[in-house]
Amino acid sequence: MSDTATFIEECLAGRALATDADDWVDAWHDAPDASTAARMSLSDFLGMTESEYALWVERPEALRFIIAGRKAGEAPATAELLGDLVAAAARAGDDAEAASVVQWLKKTGRL
């Protein structure tokens, strides 16, 4: 876990996995009161927009699509777009398949 990079940034750099999210949440909860992390919202600490965070809280399976969208070079998406993405790719078996769905959505102008 980095002192300066967010969870999403660490995932994009290949230094964290989506499955590490709970560890990051625990680190935020355990952060000393005087620390930078303690002064941040959890969404900021994780590197998510409020929309991304809201979707992740409601639908944890959305995390891999949030990361895949960022890997595809997309700006942070709105909750509505991410909800559509999760619904469209819910049957994706792995991250490569999810990334493929993101690319298709991008090509077809849906993302």
PDB file of N, CA and C in Angstrom:
ATOM      1  N   MET A   1       0.835  -1.173   0.000  1.00  0.00           N
ATOM      2  CA  MET A   1       0.000   0.000   0.000  1.00  0.00           C
ATOM      3  C   MET A   1       0.884   1.242   0.000  1.00  0.00           C
ATOM      4  N   SER A   2       0.569   2.138  -0.877  1.00  0.00           N
ATOM      5  CA  SER A   2       1.371   3.352  -1.029  1.00  0.00           C
ATOM      6  C   SER A   2       0.921   4.438  -0.064  1.00  0.00           C
ATOM      7  N   ASP A   3       1.869   5.305   0.306  1.00  0.00           N
ATOM      8  CA  ASP A   3       1.524   6.438   1.166  1.00  0.00           C
ATOM      9  C   ASP A   3       0.865   7.558   0.369  1.00  0.00           C
ATOM     10  N   THR A   4       1.106   7.597  -0.947  1.00  0.00           N
ATOM     11  CA  THR A   4       0.583   8.704  -1.743  1.00  0.00           C
ATOM     12  C   THR A   4      -0.389   8.278  -2.832  1.00  0.00           C
ATOM     13  N   ALA A   5      -0.215   7.106  -3.407  1.00  0.00           N
ATOM     14  CA  ALA A   5      -1.084   6.654  -4.493  1.00  0.00           C
ATOM     15  C   ALA A   5      -2.389   6.093  -3.932  1.00  0.00           C
ATOM     16  N   THR A   6      -3.426   6.207  -4.722  1.00  0.00           N
ATOM     17  CA  THR A   6      -4.720   5.667  -4.328  1.00  0.00           C
ATOM     18  C   THR A   6      -4.829   4.196  -4.730  1.00  0.00           C
ATOM     19  N   PHE A   7      -5.837   3.549  -4.226  1.00  0.00           N
ATOM     20  CA  PHE A   7      -6.095   2.155  -4.565  1.00  0.00           C
ATOM     21  C   PHE A   7      -6.250   1.989  -6.082  1.00  0.00           C
ATOM     22  N   ILE A   8      -7.036   2.849  -6.702  1.00  0.00           N
ATOM     23  CA  ILE A   8      -7.248   2.744  -8.152  1.00  0.00           C
ATOM     24  C   ILE A   8      -5.923   2.940  -8.892  1.00  0.00           C
ATOM     25  N   GLU A   9      -5.138   3.924  -8.483  1.00  0.00           N
ATOM     26  CA  GLU A   9      -3.830   4.132  -9.117  1.00  0.00           C
ATOM     27  C   GLU A   9      -2.930   2.925  -8.960  1.00  0.00           C
ATOM     28  N   GLU A  10      -2.945   2.317  -7.789  1.00  0.00           N
ATOM     29  CA  GLU A  10      -2.128   1.121  -7.554  1.00  0.00           C
ATOM     30  C   GLU A  10      -2.615  -0.050  -8.408  1.00  0.00           C
ATOM     31  N   CYS A  11      -3.920  -0.175  -8.590  1.00  0.00           N
ATOM     32  CA  CYS A  11      -4.458  -1.222  -9.468  1.00  0.00           C
ATOM     33  C   CYS A  11      -4.003  -0.999 -10.906  1.00  0.00           C
ATOM     34  N   LEU A  12      -4.087   0.235 -11.360  1.00  0.00           N
ATOM     35  CA  LEU A  12      -3.692   0.550 -12.735  1.00  0.00           C
ATOM     36  C   LEU A  12      -2.208   0.319 -12.964  1.00  0.00           C
ATOM     37  N   ALA A  13      -1.409   0.495 -11.921  1.00  0.00           N
ATOM     38  CA  ALA A  13       0.036   0.275 -12.021  1.00  0.00           C
ATOM     39  C   ALA A  13       0.405  -1.194 -11.834  1.00  0.00           C
ATOM     40  N   GLY A  14      -0.571  -2.024 -11.509  1.00  0.00           N
ATOM     41  CA  GLY A  14      -0.306  -3.448 -11.315  1.00  0.00           C
ATOM     42  C   GLY A  14       0.258  -3.784  -9.947  1.00  0.00           C
ATOM     43  N   ARG A  15       0.191  -2.852  -9.022  1.00  0.00           N
ATOM     44  CA  ARG A  15       0.711  -3.090  -7.674  1.00  0.00           C
ATOM     45  C   ARG A  15      -0.380  -3.471  -6.680  1.00  0.00           C
ATOM     46  N   ALA A  16      -1.626  -3.451  -7.118  1.00  0.00           N
ATOM     47  CA  ALA A  16      -2.751  -3.869  -6.279  1.00  0.00           C
ATOM     48  C   ALA A  16      -3.758  -4.576  -7.177  1.00  0.00           C
ATOM     49  N   LEU A  17      -4.548  -5.418  -6.569  1.00  0.00           N
ATOM     50  CA  LEU A  17      -5.598  -6.149  -7.266  1.00  0.00           C
ATOM     51  C   LEU A  17      -6.955  -5.688  -6.755  1.00  0.00           C
ATOM     52  N   ALA A  18      -7.984  -5.883  -7.545  1.00  0.00           N
ATOM     53  CA  ALA A  18      -9.329  -5.533  -7.109  1.00  0.00           C
ATOM     54  C   ALA A  18      -9.671  -6.233  -5.799  1.00  0.00           C
ATOM     55  N   THR A  19      -9.146  -7.411  -5.621  1.00  0.00           N
ATOM     56  CA  THR A  19      -9.420  -8.172  -4.392  1.00  0.00           C
ATOM     57  C   THR A  19      -8.769  -7.556  -3.155  1.00  0.00           C
ATOM     58  N   ASP A  20      -7.913  -6.556  -3.347  1.00  0.00           N
ATOM     59  CA  ASP A  20      -7.263  -5.870  -2.227  1.00  0.00           C
ATOM     60  C   ASP A  20      -8.111  -4.738  -1.655  1.00  0.00           C
ATOM     61  N   ALA A  21      -9.269  -4.481  -2.235  1.00  0.00           N
ATOM     62  CA  ALA A  21     -10.083  -3.329  -1.820  1.00  0.00           C
ATOM     63  C   ALA A  21     -10.389  -3.340  -0.328  1.00  0.00           C
ATOM     64  N   ASP A  22     -10.751  -4.486   0.206  1.00  0.00           N
ATOM     65  CA  ASP A  22     -11.075  -4.551   1.642  1.00  0.00           C
ATOM     66  C   ASP A  22      -9.877  -4.178   2.510  1.00  0.00           C
ATOM     67  N   ASP A  23      -8.675  -4.559   2.078  1.00  0.00           N
ATOM     68  CA  ASP A  23      -7.468  -4.189   2.830  1.00  0.00           C
ATOM     69  C   ASP A  23      -7.286  -2.671   2.841  1.00  0.00           C
ATOM     70  N   TRP A  24      -7.584  -2.023   1.727  1.00  0.00           N
ATOM     71  CA  TRP A  24      -7.477  -0.566   1.652  1.00  0.00           C
ATOM     72  C   TRP A  24      -8.525   0.100   2.541  1.00  0.00           C
ATOM     73  N   VAL A  25      -9.730  -0.460   2.544  1.00  0.00           N
ATOM     74  CA  VAL A  25     -10.776   0.090   3.410  1.00  0.00           C
ATOM     75  C   VAL A  25     -10.353  -0.054   4.874  1.00  0.00           C
ATOM     76  N   ASP A  26      -9.808  -1.207   5.223  1.00  0.00           N
ATOM     77  CA  ASP A  26      -9.324  -1.414   6.593  1.00  0.00           C
ATOM     78  C   ASP A  26      -8.211  -0.421   6.938  1.00  0.00           C
ATOM     79  N   ALA A  27      -7.300  -0.185   5.990  1.00  0.00           N
ATOM     80  CA  ALA A  27      -6.204   0.759   6.234  1.00  0.00           C
ATOM     81  C   ALA A  27      -6.746   2.170   6.472  1.00  0.00           C
ATOM     82  N   TRP A  28      -7.771   2.543   5.739  1.00  0.00           N
ATOM     83  CA  TRP A  28      -8.383   3.862   5.930  1.00  0.00           C
ATOM     84  C   TRP A  28      -9.014   3.961   7.318  1.00  0.00           C
ATOM     85  N   HIS A  29      -9.747   2.907   7.708  1.00  0.00           N
ATOM     86  CA  HIS A  29     -10.380   2.899   9.030  1.00  0.00           C
ATOM     87  C   HIS A  29      -9.341   2.927  10.155  1.00  0.00           C
ATOM     88  N   ASP A  30      -8.205   2.290   9.941  1.00  0.00           N
ATOM     89  CA  ASP A  30      -7.167   2.179  10.971  1.00  0.00           C
ATOM     90  C   ASP A  30      -6.164   3.328  10.949  1.00  0.00           C
ATOM     91  N   ALA A  31      -6.310   4.251  10.004  1.00  0.00           N
ATOM     92  CA  ALA A  31      -5.342   5.345   9.872  1.00  0.00           C
ATOM     93  C   ALA A  31      -5.338   6.216  11.128  1.00  0.00           C
ATOM     94  N   PRO A  32      -4.150   6.595  11.596  1.00  0.00           N
ATOM     95  CA  PRO A  32      -4.064   7.494  12.760  1.00  0.00           C
ATOM     96  C   PRO A  32      -4.788   8.813  12.482  1.00  0.00           C
ATOM     97  N   ASP A  33      -5.360   9.380  13.507  1.00  0.00           N
ATOM     98  CA  ASP A  33      -6.147  10.608  13.358  1.00  0.00           C
ATOM     99  C   ASP A  33      -5.386  11.736  12.675  1.00  0.00           C
ATOM    100  N   ALA A  34      -4.107  11.844  12.890  1.00  0.00           N
ATOM    101  CA  ALA A  34      -3.317  12.940  12.324  1.00  0.00           C
ATOM    102  C   ALA A  34      -2.836  12.659  10.896  1.00  0.00           C
ATOM    103  N   SER A  35      -3.144  11.501  10.368  1.00  0.00           N
ATOM    104  CA  SER A  35      -2.629  11.126   9.050  1.00  0.00           C
ATOM    105  C   SER A  35      -3.426  11.775   7.918  1.00  0.00           C
ATOM    106  N   THR A  36      -2.805  11.822   6.758  1.00  0.00           N
ATOM    107  CA  THR A  36      -3.474  12.334   5.562  1.00  0.00           C
ATOM    108  C   THR A  36      -4.698  11.492   5.245  1.00  0.00           C
ATOM    109  N   ALA A  37      -4.574  10.177   5.347  1.00  0.00           N
ATOM    110  CA  ALA A  37      -5.687   9.276   5.031  1.00  0.00           C
ATOM    111  C   ALA A  37      -6.906   9.567   5.898  1.00  0.00           C
ATOM    112  N   ALA A  38      -6.689   9.873   7.163  1.00  0.00           N
ATOM    113  CA  ALA A  38      -7.803  10.126   8.085  1.00  0.00           C
ATOM    114  C   ALA A  38      -8.555  11.402   7.726  1.00  0.00           C
ATOM    115  N   ARG A  39      -7.892  12.315   7.037  1.00  0.00           N
ATOM    116  CA  ARG A  39      -8.533  13.568   6.638  1.00  0.00           C
ATOM    117  C   ARG A  39      -9.229  13.465   5.287  1.00  0.00           C
ATOM    118  N   MET A  40      -9.117  12.300   4.643  1.00  0.00           N
ATOM    119  CA  MET A  40      -9.726  12.094   3.332  1.00  0.00           C
ATOM    120  C   MET A  40     -11.029  11.313   3.472  1.00  0.00           C
ATOM    121  N   SER A  41     -11.906  11.512   2.506  1.00  0.00           N
ATOM    122  CA  SER A  41     -13.077  10.631   2.433  1.00  0.00           C
ATOM    123  C   SER A  41     -12.587   9.269   1.952  1.00  0.00           C
ATOM    124  N   LEU A  42     -13.354   8.243   2.213  1.00  0.00           N
ATOM    125  CA  LEU A  42     -12.957   6.916   1.756  1.00  0.00           C
ATOM    126  C   LEU A  42     -12.910   6.866   0.231  1.00  0.00           C
ATOM    127  N   SER A  43     -13.843   7.521  -0.431  1.00  0.00           N
ATOM    128  CA  SER A  43     -13.820   7.512  -1.901  1.00  0.00           C
ATOM    129  C   SER A  43     -12.540   8.157  -2.428  1.00  0.00           C
ATOM    130  N   ASP A  44     -12.106   9.253  -1.816  1.00  0.00           N
ATOM    131  CA  ASP A  44     -10.857   9.890  -2.243  1.00  0.00           C
ATOM    132  C   ASP A  44      -9.653   8.998  -1.949  1.00  0.00           C
ATOM    133  N   PHE A  45      -9.643   8.374  -0.781  1.00  0.00           N
ATOM    134  CA  PHE A  45      -8.554   7.479  -0.413  1.00  0.00           C
ATOM    135  C   PHE A  45      -8.425   6.333  -1.414  1.00  0.00           C
ATOM    136  N   LEU A  46      -9.570   5.834  -1.876  1.00  0.00           N
ATOM    137  CA  LEU A  46      -9.566   4.741  -2.849  1.00  0.00           C
ATOM    138  C   LEU A  46      -9.291   5.238  -4.266  1.00  0.00           C
ATOM    139  N   GLY A  47      -9.482   6.541  -4.504  1.00  0.00           N
ATOM    140  CA  GLY A  47      -9.260   7.093  -5.839  1.00  0.00           C
ATOM    141  C   GLY A  47     -10.474   6.996  -6.734  1.00  0.00           C
ATOM    142  N   MET A  48     -11.649   6.923  -6.133  1.00  0.00           N
ATOM    143  CA  MET A  48     -12.899   6.823  -6.882  1.00  0.00           C
ATOM    144  C   MET A  48     -13.656   8.142  -6.823  1.00  0.00           C
ATOM    145  N   THR A  49     -14.398   8.408  -7.875  1.00  0.00           N
ATOM    146  CA  THR A  49     -15.320   9.530  -7.826  1.00  0.00           C
ATOM    147  C   THR A  49     -16.469   9.136  -6.896  1.00  0.00           C
ATOM    148  N   GLU A  50     -17.274  10.100  -6.518  1.00  0.00           N
ATOM    149  CA  GLU A  50     -18.435   9.794  -5.672  1.00  0.00           C
ATOM    150  C   GLU A  50     -19.372   8.826  -6.383  1.00  0.00           C
ATOM    151  N   SER A  51     -19.535   8.982  -7.692  1.00  0.00           N
ATOM    152  CA  SER A  51     -20.409   8.081  -8.464  1.00  0.00           C
ATOM    153  C   SER A  51     -19.860   6.664  -8.493  1.00  0.00           C
ATOM    154  N   GLU A  52     -18.555   6.553  -8.737  1.00  0.00           N
ATOM    155  CA  GLU A  52     -17.936   5.229  -8.750  1.00  0.00           C
ATOM    156  C   GLU A  52     -18.060   4.571  -7.383  1.00  0.00           C
ATOM    157  N   TYR A  53     -17.792   5.340  -6.347  1.00  0.00           N
ATOM    158  CA  TYR A  53     -17.859   4.812  -4.991  1.00  0.00           C
ATOM    159  C   TYR A  53     -19.279   4.358  -4.657  1.00  0.00           C
ATOM    160  N   ALA A  54     -20.269   5.173  -5.001  1.00  0.00           N
ATOM    161  CA  ALA A  54     -21.669   4.819  -4.719  1.00  0.00           C
ATOM    162  C   ALA A  54     -22.050   3.521  -5.422  1.00  0.00           C
ATOM    163  N   LEU A  55     -21.625   3.378  -6.665  1.00  0.00           N
ATOM    164  CA  LEU A  55     -21.934   2.149  -7.391  1.00  0.00           C
ATOM    165  C   LEU A  55     -21.224   0.963  -6.768  1.00  0.00           C
ATOM    166  N   TRP A  56     -19.959   1.132  -6.400  1.00  0.00           N
ATOM    167  CA  TRP A  56     -19.188   0.039  -5.794  1.00  0.00           C
ATOM    168  C   TRP A  56     -19.819  -0.416  -4.481  1.00  0.00           C
ATOM    169  N   VAL A  57     -20.289   0.541  -3.680  1.00  0.00           N
ATOM    170  CA  VAL A  57     -20.931   0.188  -2.409  1.00  0.00           C
ATOM    171  C   VAL A  57     -22.203  -0.614  -2.672  1.00  0.00           C
ATOM    172  N   GLU A  58     -22.951  -0.194  -3.671  1.00  0.00           N
ATOM    173  CA  GLU A  58     -24.205  -0.872  -3.986  1.00  0.00           C
ATOM    174  C   GLU A  58     -23.984  -2.191  -4.719  1.00  0.00           C
ATOM    175  N   ARG A  59     -23.003  -2.199  -5.614  1.00  0.00           N
ATOM    176  CA  ARG A  59     -22.738  -3.377  -6.437  1.00  0.00           C
ATOM    177  C   ARG A  59     -21.236  -3.629  -6.474  1.00  0.00           C
ATOM    178  N   PRO A  60     -20.704  -4.344  -5.485  1.00  0.00           N
ATOM    179  CA  PRO A  60     -19.252  -4.556  -5.410  1.00  0.00           C
ATOM    180  C   PRO A  60     -18.636  -5.146  -6.677  1.00  0.00           C
ATOM    181  N   GLU A  61     -19.410  -5.893  -7.437  1.00  0.00           N
ATOM    182  CA  GLU A  61     -18.879  -6.477  -8.675  1.00  0.00           C
ATOM    183  C   GLU A  61     -18.518  -5.403  -9.696  1.00  0.00           C
ATOM    184  N   ALA A  62     -18.978  -4.173  -9.482  1.00  0.00           N
ATOM    185  CA  ALA A  62     -18.672  -3.072 -10.394  1.00  0.00           C
ATOM    186  C   ALA A  62     -17.205  -2.675 -10.352  1.00  0.00           C
ATOM    187  N   LEU A  63     -16.488  -3.038  -9.301  1.00  0.00           N
ATOM    188  CA  LEU A  63     -15.103  -2.592  -9.153  1.00  0.00           C
ATOM    189  C   LEU A  63     -14.243  -2.982 -10.339  1.00  0.00           C
ATOM    190  N   ARG A  64     -14.372  -4.178 -10.813  1.00  0.00           N
ATOM    191  CA  ARG A  64     -13.514  -4.572 -11.942  1.00  0.00           C
ATOM    192  C   ARG A  64     -13.840  -3.782 -13.199  1.00  0.00           C
ATOM    193  N   PHE A  65     -15.095  -3.330 -13.337  1.00  0.00           N
ATOM    194  CA  PHE A  65     -15.459  -2.530 -14.493  1.00  0.00           C
ATOM    195  C   PHE A  65     -14.989  -1.088 -14.344  1.00  0.00           C
ATOM    196  N   ILE A  66     -14.979  -0.596 -13.115  1.00  0.00           N
ATOM    197  CA  ILE A  66     -14.427   0.732 -12.854  1.00  0.00           C
ATOM    198  C   ILE A  66     -12.946   0.739 -13.237  1.00  0.00           C
ATOM    199  N   ILE A  67     -12.233  -0.294 -12.797  1.00  0.00           N
ATOM    200  CA  ILE A  67     -10.804  -0.395 -13.098  1.00  0.00           C
ATOM    201  C   ILE A  67     -10.579  -0.607 -14.595  1.00  0.00           C
ATOM    202  N   ALA A  68     -11.379  -1.484 -15.215  1.00  0.00           N
ATOM    203  CA  ALA A  68     -11.230  -1.744 -16.652  1.00  0.00           C
ATOM    204  C   ALA A  68     -11.485  -0.476 -17.458  1.00  0.00           C
ATOM    205  N   GLY A  69     -12.469   0.315 -17.056  1.00  0.00           N
ATOM    206  CA  GLY A  69     -12.740   1.574 -17.753  1.00  0.00           C
ATOM    207  C   GLY A  69     -11.582   2.538 -17.643  1.00  0.00           C
ATOM    208  N   ARG A  70     -11.000   2.606 -16.466  1.00  0.00           N
ATOM    209  CA  ARG A  70      -9.832   3.477 -16.283  1.00  0.00           C
ATOM    210  C   ARG A  70      -8.653   2.973 -17.104  1.00  0.00           C
ATOM    211  N   LYS A  71      -8.463   1.645 -17.147  1.00  0.00           N
ATOM    212  CA  LYS A  71      -7.373   1.085 -17.952  1.00  0.00           C
ATOM    213  C   LYS A  71      -7.560   1.397 -19.419  1.00  0.00           C
ATOM    214  N   ALA A  72      -8.804   1.467 -19.860  1.00  0.00           N
ATOM    215  CA  ALA A  72      -9.099   1.766 -21.258  1.00  0.00           C
ATOM    216  C   ALA A  72      -8.926   3.250 -21.563  1.00  0.00           C
ATOM    217  N   GLY A  73      -8.537   4.016 -20.545  1.00  0.00           N
ATOM    218  CA  GLY A  73      -8.277   5.427 -20.751  1.00  0.00           C
ATOM    219  C   GLY A  73      -9.491   6.314 -20.614  1.00  0.00           C
ATOM    220  N   GLU A  74     -10.561   5.757 -20.082  1.00  0.00           N
ATOM    221  CA  GLU A  74     -11.768   6.542 -19.911  1.00  0.00           C
ATOM    222  C   GLU A  74     -11.687   7.377 -18.643  1.00  0.00           C
ATOM    223  N   ALA A  75     -12.285   8.523 -18.685  1.00  0.00           N
ATOM    224  CA  ALA A  75     -12.387   9.362 -17.491  1.00  0.00           C
ATOM    225  C   ALA A  75     -13.326   8.670 -16.512  1.00  0.00           C
ATOM    226  N   PRO A  76     -13.243   9.015 -15.254  1.00  0.00           N
ATOM    227  CA  PRO A  76     -14.189   8.442 -14.295  1.00  0.00           C
ATOM    228  C   PRO A  76     -15.616   8.627 -14.802  1.00  0.00           C
ATOM    229  N   ALA A  77     -16.378   7.573 -14.708  1.00  0.00           N
ATOM    230  CA  ALA A  77     -17.718   7.565 -15.274  1.00  0.00           C
ATOM    231  C   ALA A  77     -18.779   7.932 -14.250  1.00  0.00           C
ATOM    232  N   THR A  78     -19.941   8.234 -14.752  1.00  0.00           N
ATOM    233  CA  THR A  78     -21.071   8.515 -13.881  1.00  0.00           C
ATOM    234  C   THR A  78     -21.661   7.210 -13.374  1.00  0.00           C
ATOM    235  N   ALA A  79     -22.419   7.269 -12.316  1.00  0.00           N
ATOM    236  CA  ALA A  79     -23.060   6.073 -11.764  1.00  0.00           C
ATOM    237  C   ALA A  79     -23.995   5.446 -12.791  1.00  0.00           C
ATOM    238  N   GLU A  80     -24.707   6.275 -13.555  1.00  0.00           N
ATOM    239  CA  GLU A  80     -25.635   5.734 -14.558  1.00  0.00           C
ATOM    240  C   GLU A  80     -24.886   4.934 -15.623  1.00  0.00           C
ATOM    241  N   LEU A  81     -23.811   5.505 -16.134  1.00  0.00           N
ATOM    242  CA  LEU A  81     -23.017   4.806 -17.152  1.00  0.00           C
ATOM    243  C   LEU A  81     -22.403   3.543 -16.587  1.00  0.00           C
ATOM    244  N   LEU A  82     -21.858   3.632 -15.383  1.00  0.00           N
ATOM    245  CA  LEU A  82     -21.264   2.450 -14.771  1.00  0.00           C
ATOM    246  C   LEU A  82     -22.313   1.377 -14.505  1.00  0.00           C
ATOM    247  N   GLY A  83     -23.489   1.785 -14.098  1.00  0.00           N
ATOM    248  CA  GLY A  83     -24.565   0.820 -13.888  1.00  0.00           C
ATOM    249  C   GLY A  83     -24.904   0.096 -15.169  1.00  0.00           C
ATOM    250  N   ASP A  84     -24.962   0.845 -16.272  1.00  0.00           N
ATOM    251  CA  ASP A  84     -25.216   0.225 -17.569  1.00  0.00           C
ATOM    252  C   ASP A  84     -24.085  -0.717 -17.955  1.00  0.00           C
ATOM    253  N   LEU A  85     -22.862  -0.307 -17.691  1.00  0.00           N
ATOM    254  CA  LEU A  85     -21.699  -1.130 -18.000  1.00  0.00           C
ATOM    255  C   LEU A  85     -21.721  -2.433 -17.210  1.00  0.00           C
ATOM    256  N   VAL A  86     -22.001  -2.337 -15.921  1.00  0.00           N
ATOM    257  CA  VAL A  86     -22.056  -3.534 -15.086  1.00  0.00           C
ATOM    258  C   VAL A  86     -23.156  -4.460 -15.574  1.00  0.00           C
ATOM    259  N   ALA A  87     -24.308  -3.903 -15.907  1.00  0.00           N
ATOM    260  CA  ALA A  87     -25.407  -4.729 -16.390  1.00  0.00           C
ATOM    261  C   ALA A  87     -25.038  -5.399 -17.711  1.00  0.00           C
ATOM    262  N   ALA A  88     -24.376  -4.669 -18.599  1.00  0.00           N
ATOM    263  CA  ALA A  88     -24.007  -5.219 -19.902  1.00  0.00           C
ATOM    264  C   ALA A  88     -22.931  -6.283 -19.797  1.00  0.00           C
ATOM    265  N   ALA A  89     -22.063  -6.171 -18.794  1.00  0.00           N
ATOM    266  CA  ALA A  89     -20.917  -7.076 -18.693  1.00  0.00           C
ATOM    267  C   ALA A  89     -21.014  -8.025 -17.505  1.00  0.00           C
ATOM    268  N   ALA A  90     -22.178  -8.152 -16.932  1.00  0.00           N
ATOM    269  CA  ALA A  90     -22.329  -8.947 -15.707  1.00  0.00           C
ATOM    270  C   ALA A  90     -21.892 -10.395 -15.897  1.00  0.00           C
ATOM    271  N   ARG A  91     -21.997 -10.879 -17.114  1.00  0.00           N
ATOM    272  CA  ARG A  91     -21.616 -12.270 -17.341  1.00  0.00           C
ATOM    273  C   ARG A  91     -20.168 -12.438 -17.775  1.00  0.00           C
ATOM    274  N   ALA A  92     -19.397 -11.359 -17.789  1.00  0.00           N
ATOM    275  CA  ALA A  92     -17.985 -11.461 -18.163  1.00  0.00           C
ATOM    276  C   ALA A  92     -17.269 -12.375 -17.176  1.00  0.00           C
ATOM    277  N   GLY A  93     -16.547 -13.331 -17.696  1.00  0.00           N
ATOM    278  CA  GLY A  93     -15.902 -14.324 -16.851  1.00  0.00           C
ATOM    279  C   GLY A  93     -14.624 -13.864 -16.175  1.00  0.00           C
ATOM    280  N   ASP A  94     -13.942 -12.875 -16.762  1.00  0.00           N
ATOM    281  CA  ASP A  94     -12.677 -12.422 -16.175  1.00  0.00           C
ATOM    282  C   ASP A  94     -12.406 -10.983 -16.603  1.00  0.00           C
ATOM    283  N   ASP A  95     -11.289 -10.440 -16.138  1.00  0.00           N
ATOM    284  CA  ASP A  95     -10.971  -9.041 -16.419  1.00  0.00           C
ATOM    285  C   ASP A  95     -10.736  -8.791 -17.901  1.00  0.00           C
ATOM    286  N   ALA A  96     -10.158  -9.749 -18.614  1.00  0.00           N
ATOM    287  CA  ALA A  96      -9.921  -9.570 -20.048  1.00  0.00           C
ATOM    288  C   ALA A  96     -11.247  -9.457 -20.785  1.00  0.00           C
ATOM    289  N   GLU A  97     -12.199 -10.278 -20.398  1.00  0.00           N
ATOM    290  CA  GLU A  97     -13.518 -10.218 -21.013  1.00  0.00           C
ATOM    291  C   GLU A  97     -14.208  -8.896 -20.664  1.00  0.00           C
ATOM    292  N   ALA A  98     -14.056  -8.455 -19.425  1.00  0.00           N
ATOM    293  CA  ALA A  98     -14.634  -7.173 -19.014  1.00  0.00           C
ATOM    294  C   ALA A  98     -14.010  -6.034 -19.817  1.00  0.00           C
ATOM    295  N   ALA A  99     -12.692  -6.082 -20.021  1.00  0.00           N
ATOM    296  CA  ALA A  99     -12.012  -5.054 -20.809  1.00  0.00           C
ATOM    297  C   ALA A  99     -12.508  -5.070 -22.251  1.00  0.00           C
ATOM    298  N   SER A 100     -12.784  -6.256 -22.764  1.00  0.00           N
ATOM    299  CA  SER A 100     -13.315  -6.382 -24.112  1.00  0.00           C
ATOM    300  C   SER A 100     -14.685  -5.711 -24.218  1.00  0.00           C
ATOM    301  N   VAL A 101     -15.506  -5.888 -23.214  1.00  0.00           N
ATOM    302  CA  VAL A 101     -16.819  -5.247 -23.195  1.00  0.00           C
ATOM    303  C   VAL A 101     -16.655  -3.731 -23.147  1.00  0.00           C
ATOM    304  N   VAL A 102     -15.715  -3.255 -22.342  1.00  0.00           N
ATOM    305  CA  VAL A 102     -15.458  -1.812 -22.264  1.00  0.00           C
ATOM    306  C   VAL A 102     -15.043  -1.291 -23.638  1.00  0.00           C
ATOM    307  N   GLN A 103     -14.165  -1.999 -24.324  1.00  0.00           N
ATOM    308  CA  GLN A 103     -13.726  -1.575 -25.657  1.00  0.00           C
ATOM    309  C   GLN A 103     -14.893  -1.545 -26.640  1.00  0.00           C
ATOM    310  N   TRP A 104     -15.755  -2.555 -26.576  1.00  0.00           N
ATOM    311  CA  TRP A 104     -16.926  -2.589 -27.454  1.00  0.00           C
ATOM    312  C   TRP A 104     -17.844  -1.410 -27.168  1.00  0.00           C
ATOM    313  N   LEU A 105     -18.097  -1.135 -25.903  1.00  0.00           N
ATOM    314  CA  LEU A 105     -18.936   0.001 -25.528  1.00  0.00           C
ATOM    315  C   LEU A 105     -18.333   1.311 -26.028  1.00  0.00           C
ATOM    316  N   LYS A 106     -17.009   1.404 -25.981  1.00  0.00           N
ATOM    317  CA  LYS A 106     -16.321   2.599 -26.462  1.00  0.00           C
ATOM    318  C   LYS A 106     -16.471   2.736 -27.972  1.00  0.00           C
ATOM    319  N   LYS A 107     -16.270   1.631 -28.705  1.00  0.00           N
ATOM    320  CA  LYS A 107     -16.392   1.647 -30.156  1.00  0.00           C
ATOM    321  C   LYS A 107     -17.801   2.013 -30.617  1.00  0.00           C
ATOM    322  N   THR A 108     -18.779   1.563 -29.870  1.00  0.00           N
ATOM    323  CA  THR A 108     -20.168   1.801 -30.263  1.00  0.00           C
ATOM    324  C   THR A 108     -20.713   3.117 -29.716  1.00  0.00           C
ATOM    325  N   GLY A 109     -19.861   3.912 -29.078  1.00  0.00           N
ATOM    326  CA  GLY A 109     -20.268   5.223 -28.601  1.00  0.00           C
ATOM    327  C   GLY A 109     -21.080   5.204 -27.315  1.00  0.00           C
ATOM    328  N   ARG A 110     -21.150   4.068 -26.669  1.00  0.00           N
ATOM    329  CA  ARG A 110     -21.895   3.975 -25.413  1.00  0.00           C
ATOM    330  C   ARG A 110     -21.063   4.385 -24.219  1.00  0.00           C
ATOM    331  N   LEU A 111     -19.765   4.455 -24.417  1.00  0.00           N
ATOM    332  CA  LEU A 111     -18.846   4.833 -23.340  1.00  0.00           C
ATOM    333  C   LEU A 111     -17.911   5.902 -23.828  1.00  0.00           C
TER     334      LEU A 111
END
